[in-house]
């Protein structure tokens, strides 16, 4: 097969890759595209937001995408999920990962999409060495922390992300550990360095030490996580009947953290509790788009990444970045 004549880092893009990715190469350059084409991404926990994310990175030309989610496809799964057809939801008998895999292969045959069975939190850390990026959804904070810490223990840097969509609100967490990227200035280019908190450090930070303008969505997410953990619920396994107990949890947490309850409005909690596991498709598109953009930044080295939370709330109509440092730094 003929090859692009521009060689970088001792390797070349094929003519087929150059033709397929021509537009984005014009945006971020050949070197960035080559990094994408060599990157291996692992995604565990599949939903509408993750479907949007997977579509974006597959179209961008990531090297490989491995999917993990053994749950069977159901009718409920198609509400915010364009990768599952109604026919598959009724008759496939396949896992979410298998259905996603078959659909995503059609988006870009040059990306290797595969399925890995099992629960990621039960895998040994060495399993993660195959990947450059790990994206987690649909699991408990305990499991997210466990997987994040395993990523941090590996010799190579593994970019770690979590994403959750609760109806009209959503949250992304980013941990790039120690990360450097070039930043253009009027007099040239400087190398910027960022040091990230782990998820465990970030969500353990004292609320009273955070700025008063910290988004209310951050606190609401923590309240719901605490409630689900104490009740041994799966993520988003919640309903309107739980609201009184969730409000009691808010009161107890705010008292313990020295935070006024008005920072977590009852109206916001009511909306999130009533939504249960339902995702709002437009919010899925926004979160999946932002997450895809952030993963591409981390792989390609192009652009300033989020540090370390991104929140979106349709009531505000905007996305907010929150840098939540470890408790010892506050």
Protein backbone atom coordinates (compact mmCIF):
# COMPACT_ATOMS: atom_id res chain seq x y z
CA UNK A 1 0.00 0.00 0.00
CA UNK A 2 1.29 3.46 -0.83
CA UNK A 3 2.24 5.68 2.08
CA UNK A 4 2.25 9.33 3.02
CA UNK A 5 5.66 10.78 2.36
CA UNK A 6 5.72 12.82 5.57
CA UNK A 7 7.46 10.66 8.19
CA UNK A 8 7.55 11.59 11.86
CA UNK A 9 9.01 9.65 14.79
CA UNK A 10 10.24 7.04 12.31
CA UNK A 11 6.75 6.05 11.18
CA UNK A 12 4.31 7.07 8.47
CA UNK A 13 0.57 7.25 7.92
CA UNK A 14 -0.81 5.21 5.06
CA UNK A 15 -2.38 6.96 2.09
CA UNK A 16 -5.71 5.49 3.17
CA UNK A 17 -5.38 7.03 6.63
CA UNK A 18 -4.28 10.35 5.17
CA UNK A 19 -7.31 10.47 2.86
CA UNK A 20 -9.78 9.43 5.57
CA UNK A 21 -8.45 11.82 8.21
CA UNK A 22 -7.56 14.68 5.85
CA UNK A 23 -9.79 17.31 7.47
CA UNK A 24 -8.67 16.67 11.02
CA UNK A 25 -5.01 16.44 9.97
CA UNK A 26 -5.45 19.98 8.66
CA UNK A 27 -6.71 21.00 12.11
CA UNK A 28 -4.24 19.29 14.45
CA UNK A 29 -1.45 18.05 12.15
CA UNK A 30 0.10 14.76 11.08
CA UNK A 31 1.94 14.13 14.35
CA UNK A 32 -1.24 14.41 16.42
CA UNK A 33 -3.07 12.06 14.05
CA UNK A 34 -0.28 9.51 14.32
CA UNK A 35 -0.49 9.56 18.09
CA UNK A 36 -4.22 8.96 17.88
CA UNK A 37 -3.73 6.10 15.44
CA UNK A 38 -1.39 4.36 17.90
CA UNK A 39 -3.48 4.92 21.04
CA UNK A 40 -5.41 2.14 22.79
CA UNK A 41 -8.56 3.09 24.71
CA UNK A 42 -10.47 0.99 27.25
CA UNK A 43 -14.09 1.81 28.13
CA UNK A 44 -15.92 0.08 31.00
CA UNK A 45 -19.63 0.69 31.58
CA UNK A 46 -21.78 1.56 28.57
CA UNK A 47 -24.67 4.02 28.30
CA UNK A 48 -25.89 6.84 26.05
CA UNK A 49 -23.09 9.22 27.03
CA UNK A 50 -20.46 6.57 26.39
CA UNK A 51 -22.06 5.76 23.02
CA UNK A 52 -21.52 9.39 21.97
CA UNK A 53 -17.95 9.32 23.24
CA UNK A 54 -17.11 6.05 21.46
CA UNK A 55 -18.53 7.33 18.19
CA UNK A 56 -16.39 10.46 18.43
CA UNK A 57 -13.06 8.75 19.07
CA UNK A 58 -13.71 6.01 16.51
CA UNK A 59 -14.39 8.64 13.85
CA UNK A 60 -11.28 10.53 14.98
CA UNK A 61 -9.17 7.43 14.26
CA UNK A 62 -7.98 6.09 17.59
CA UNK A 63 -5.88 2.94 17.22
CA UNK A 64 -8.08 0.54 19.17
CA UNK A 65 -11.14 0.63 21.39
CA UNK A 66 -11.88 -2.14 23.92
CA UNK A 67 -15.39 -2.33 25.41
CA UNK A 68 -16.39 -3.89 28.72
CA UNK A 69 -20.01 -4.36 29.83
CA UNK A 70 -21.56 -7.82 30.18
CA UNK A 71 -25.09 -6.53 30.90
CA UNK A 72 -27.67 -7.75 28.42
CA UNK A 73 -29.37 -5.27 26.11
CA UNK A 74 -32.86 -4.26 27.27
CA UNK A 75 -35.60 -1.96 26.00
CA UNK A 76 -34.58 0.66 28.57
CA UNK A 77 -31.11 0.85 27.06
CA UNK A 78 -32.29 2.41 23.80
CA UNK A 79 -33.75 5.56 25.38
CA UNK A 80 -30.62 7.63 24.86
CA UNK A 81 -28.54 5.20 22.83
CA UNK A 82 -28.25 5.42 19.06
CA UNK A 83 -25.93 2.38 18.88
CA UNK A 84 -28.77 0.01 19.79
CA UNK A 85 -31.69 -0.57 17.45
CA UNK A 86 -35.19 -1.42 18.76
CA UNK A 87 -34.90 -4.81 17.11
CA UNK A 88 -31.66 -5.57 18.97
CA UNK A 89 -33.22 -4.47 22.24
CA UNK A 90 -36.05 -6.99 21.75
CA UNK A 91 -34.33 -10.04 20.28
CA UNK A 92 -30.53 -9.87 20.32
CA UNK A 93 -29.74 -11.58 23.65
CA UNK A 94 -26.32 -9.95 23.33
CA UNK A 95 -24.37 -7.93 25.86
CA UNK A 96 -24.15 -4.16 25.61
CA UNK A 97 -20.45 -4.45 24.73
CA UNK A 98 -21.16 -6.84 21.85
CA UNK A 99 -23.89 -4.65 20.36
CA UNK A 100 -21.75 -1.51 20.72
CA UNK A 101 -18.83 -3.30 19.10
CA UNK A 102 -20.81 -4.36 16.04
CA UNK A 103 -22.22 -0.87 15.54
CA UNK A 104 -18.94 1.00 16.05
CA UNK A 105 -17.05 -1.16 13.55
CA UNK A 106 -19.28 0.30 10.84
CA UNK A 107 -18.30 3.86 11.74
CA UNK A 108 -14.63 3.39 10.91
CA UNK A 109 -13.22 0.03 9.71
CA UNK A 110 -9.68 1.29 10.31
CA UNK A 111 -10.19 1.28 14.10
CA UNK A 112 -9.91 -2.07 15.89
CA UNK A 113 -12.96 -2.40 18.15
CA UNK A 114 -13.18 -5.43 20.47
CA UNK A 115 -14.96 -6.78 23.55
CA UNK A 116 -13.41 -7.84 26.86
CA UNK A 117 -15.61 -9.81 29.24
CA UNK A 118 -15.60 -9.42 33.01
CA UNK A 119 -15.66 -6.63 35.61
CA UNK A 120 -12.73 -4.24 35.31
CA UNK A 121 -12.35 -3.67 39.04
CA UNK A 122 -11.56 -7.40 39.44
CA UNK A 123 -8.71 -7.36 36.89
CA UNK A 124 -5.09 -7.09 38.02
CA UNK A 125 -3.31 -3.82 37.37
CA UNK A 126 -1.07 -5.39 34.73
CA UNK A 127 -4.13 -5.71 32.46
CA UNK A 128 -4.21 -1.90 32.19
CA UNK A 129 -0.69 -1.74 30.73
CA UNK A 130 -2.16 -2.42 27.28
CA UNK A 131 -4.01 0.89 27.31
CA UNK A 132 -3.21 4.58 27.10
CA UNK A 133 -6.66 5.76 28.20
CA UNK A 134 -9.22 4.25 30.59
CA UNK A 135 -12.79 5.60 30.69
CA UNK A 136 -15.21 4.44 33.41
CA UNK A 137 -18.96 4.82 33.82
CA UNK A 138 -21.91 3.00 35.44
CA UNK A 139 -20.03 1.84 38.54
CA UNK A 140 -19.74 2.79 42.20
CA UNK A 141 -17.33 5.46 43.50
CA UNK A 142 -15.49 2.66 45.33
CA UNK A 143 -14.81 0.83 42.07
CA UNK A 144 -13.87 4.05 40.27
CA UNK A 145 -11.34 4.86 42.97
CA UNK A 146 -9.93 1.33 42.86
CA UNK A 147 -9.43 1.46 39.08
CA UNK A 148 -8.03 5.00 39.21
CA UNK A 149 -5.47 3.95 41.81
CA UNK A 150 -4.49 0.91 39.72
CA UNK A 151 -3.87 3.24 36.76
CA UNK A 152 -1.68 5.44 38.94
CA UNK A 153 0.37 2.46 40.12
CA UNK A 154 1.47 1.47 36.61
CA UNK A 155 4.89 2.52 35.33
CA UNK A 156 3.50 4.27 32.27
CA UNK A 157 1.05 7.15 32.53
CA UNK A 158 -2.52 6.03 31.86
CA UNK A 159 -5.07 8.81 31.37
CA UNK A 160 -8.15 8.14 33.51
CA UNK A 161 -11.67 9.51 33.08
CA UNK A 162 -15.08 8.98 34.64
CA UNK A 163 -18.36 10.27 33.21
CA UNK A 164 -21.91 10.16 34.55
CA UNK A 165 -25.15 11.58 33.16
CA UNK A 166 -28.13 11.94 35.47
CA UNK A 167 -30.96 13.16 33.26
CA UNK A 168 -30.32 16.90 32.73
CA UNK A 169 -26.99 17.03 34.60
CA UNK A 170 -23.63 15.43 34.04
CA UNK A 171 -20.09 15.19 35.40
CA UNK A 172 -16.70 14.30 33.94
CA UNK A 173 -13.62 13.66 36.08
CA UNK A 174 -10.11 13.75 34.60
CA UNK A 175 -6.84 12.41 36.04
CA UNK A 176 -3.81 12.79 33.79
CA UNK A 177 -1.42 12.42 36.76
CA UNK A 178 1.62 14.54 35.77
CA UNK A 179 0.97 16.05 32.35
CA UNK A 180 2.90 18.46 30.12
CA UNK A 181 1.65 20.19 26.98
CA UNK A 182 2.80 23.06 24.75
CA UNK A 183 0.96 26.38 25.05
CA UNK A 184 1.34 29.06 22.43
CA UNK A 185 2.08 32.60 23.55
CA UNK A 186 2.63 35.83 21.67
CA UNK A 187 6.42 35.46 22.00
CA UNK A 188 6.63 31.73 21.33
CA UNK A 189 5.61 28.45 22.94
CA UNK A 190 5.94 27.42 26.58
CA UNK A 191 5.69 23.95 28.06
CA UNK A 192 3.00 23.87 30.73
CA UNK A 193 2.91 21.27 33.50
CA UNK A 194 -0.20 20.11 35.35
CA UNK A 195 -0.36 17.92 38.45
CA UNK A 196 -3.68 16.12 38.91
CA UNK A 197 -5.43 14.84 42.01
CA UNK A 198 -6.63 11.26 42.09
CA UNK A 199 -10.40 10.74 42.28
CA UNK A 200 -10.06 9.60 45.88
CA UNK A 201 -8.19 12.79 46.80
CA UNK A 202 -10.57 15.07 44.95
CA UNK A 203 -13.83 13.77 46.44
CA UNK A 204 -12.28 13.60 49.92
CA UNK A 205 -11.53 17.32 49.95
CA UNK A 206 -13.31 19.24 52.70
CA UNK A 207 -16.31 21.11 51.30
CA UNK A 208 -15.76 24.06 53.62
CA UNK A 209 -12.36 24.66 51.99
CA UNK A 210 -13.80 24.99 48.48
CA UNK A 211 -14.65 28.39 46.95
CA UNK A 212 -18.20 29.59 47.58
CA UNK A 213 -18.82 29.71 43.82
CA UNK A 214 -18.17 25.95 43.41
CA UNK A 215 -20.98 24.58 41.26
CA UNK A 216 -23.92 23.09 43.13
CA UNK A 217 -23.85 20.11 40.76
CA UNK A 218 -20.55 18.94 42.30
CA UNK A 219 -22.11 18.74 45.77
CA UNK A 220 -25.34 17.17 44.50
CA UNK A 221 -23.39 14.39 42.81
CA UNK A 222 -21.54 13.62 46.03
CA UNK A 223 -24.77 13.45 48.03
CA UNK A 224 -26.29 10.95 45.59
CA UNK A 225 -23.11 8.86 45.57
CA UNK A 226 -23.09 8.70 49.38
CA UNK A 227 -26.73 7.71 49.48
CA UNK A 228 -26.34 4.96 46.88
CA UNK A 229 -23.21 3.61 48.57
CA UNK A 230 -24.79 3.45 52.02
CA UNK A 231 -27.91 1.82 50.61
CA UNK A 232 -25.86 -0.67 48.54
CA UNK A 233 -27.55 0.64 45.40
CA UNK A 234 -26.14 0.45 41.91
CA UNK A 235 -25.33 3.83 40.30
CA UNK A 236 -28.54 5.75 39.50
CA UNK A 237 -30.67 3.02 41.14
CA UNK A 238 -32.83 5.62 42.78
CA UNK A 239 -36.37 7.01 42.48
CA UNK A 240 -38.62 9.80 43.70
CA UNK A 241 -39.61 7.84 46.80
CA UNK A 242 -35.99 8.13 47.99
CA UNK A 243 -36.05 11.94 48.09
CA UNK A 244 -36.75 12.32 51.87
CA UNK A 245 -33.80 10.05 52.66
CA UNK A 246 -31.58 11.87 50.16
CA UNK A 247 -32.48 15.21 51.78
CA UNK A 248 -31.59 13.74 55.15
CA UNK A 249 -28.26 12.66 53.67
CA UNK A 250 -27.73 16.22 52.40
CA UNK A 251 -28.37 17.61 55.87
CA UNK A 252 -25.96 15.19 57.55
CA UNK A 253 -23.20 15.75 54.99
CA UNK A 254 -23.53 19.53 55.09
CA UNK A 255 -23.36 19.51 58.90
CA UNK A 256 -20.28 17.28 58.83
CA UNK A 257 -18.61 19.38 56.13
CA UNK A 258 -19.52 22.78 57.56
CA UNK A 259 -21.50 23.78 54.47
CA UNK A 260 -24.86 25.52 54.33
CA UNK A 261 -27.59 23.38 52.79
CA UNK A 262 -28.50 26.12 50.28
CA UNK A 263 -25.38 25.06 48.31
CA UNK A 264 -27.32 21.92 47.33
CA UNK A 265 -30.83 23.07 46.36
CA UNK A 266 -33.70 20.69 47.06
CA UNK A 267 -35.06 21.40 43.57
CA UNK A 268 -31.82 20.11 42.02
CA UNK A 269 -31.78 16.95 44.12
CA UNK A 270 -35.47 16.38 43.41
CA UNK A 271 -34.81 16.58 39.68
CA UNK A 272 -31.87 14.15 39.82
CA UNK A 273 -33.57 11.66 42.13
CA UNK A 274 -36.76 11.63 40.05
CA UNK A 275 -34.70 10.93 36.91
CA UNK A 276 -33.27 7.68 38.30
CA UNK A 277 -31.16 6.00 35.63
CA UNK A 278 -32.69 8.01 32.80
CA UNK A 279 -30.28 9.93 30.57
CA UNK A 280 -31.24 13.05 28.63
CA UNK A 281 -30.03 12.56 25.01
CA UNK A 282 -28.93 16.20 24.43
CA UNK A 283 -26.88 16.07 27.64
CA UNK A 284 -25.38 12.75 26.53
CA UNK A 285 -24.30 14.42 23.30
CA UNK A 286 -22.69 17.33 25.15
CA UNK A 287 -20.88 15.17 27.72
CA UNK A 288 -19.79 12.60 25.13
CA UNK A 289 -18.52 15.37 22.88
CA UNK A 290 -16.55 17.06 25.66
CA UNK A 291 -15.13 13.74 26.85
CA UNK A 292 -14.09 12.79 23.32
CA UNK A 293 -12.40 16.16 22.90
CA UNK A 294 -10.54 15.77 26.20
CA UNK A 295 -9.29 12.27 25.37
CA UNK A 296 -8.08 13.48 21.97
CA UNK A 297 -6.26 16.36 23.69
CA UNK A 298 -4.53 14.01 26.12
CA UNK A 299 -3.43 11.61 23.38
CA UNK A 300 -2.39 14.19 20.80
CA UNK A 301 -0.86 16.75 23.16
CA UNK A 302 -2.86 19.48 21.44
CA UNK A 303 -4.71 21.95 23.63
CA UNK A 304 -5.15 22.61 27.34
CA UNK A 305 -6.96 19.74 29.10
CA UNK A 306 -9.64 20.04 31.77
CA UNK A 307 -8.37 19.95 35.36
CA UNK A 308 -10.13 18.10 36.89
CA UNK A 309 -13.99 18.19 36.95
CA UNK A 310 -16.41 19.29 34.24
CA UNK A 311 -20.07 19.78 35.15
CA UNK A 312 -23.04 20.49 32.94
CA UNK A 313 -26.52 21.46 34.10
CA UNK A 314 -29.30 22.31 31.65
CA UNK A 315 -30.80 24.69 34.22
CA UNK A 316 -27.68 26.86 33.86
CA UNK A 317 -27.19 26.06 30.18
CA UNK A 318 -23.42 26.01 30.54
CA UNK A 319 -20.47 23.82 31.35
CA UNK A 320 -18.30 24.58 34.39
CA UNK A 321 -14.75 23.40 35.06
CA UNK A 322 -13.84 22.88 38.71
CA UNK A 323 -10.26 22.25 39.85
CA UNK A 324 -10.75 20.36 43.12
CA UNK A 325 -7.33 19.90 44.78
CA UNK A 326 -6.40 17.21 47.32
CA UNK A 327 -7.35 17.90 50.93
CA UNK A 328 -3.73 18.66 51.91
CA UNK A 329 -3.53 21.43 49.29
CA UNK A 330 -6.78 23.20 50.26
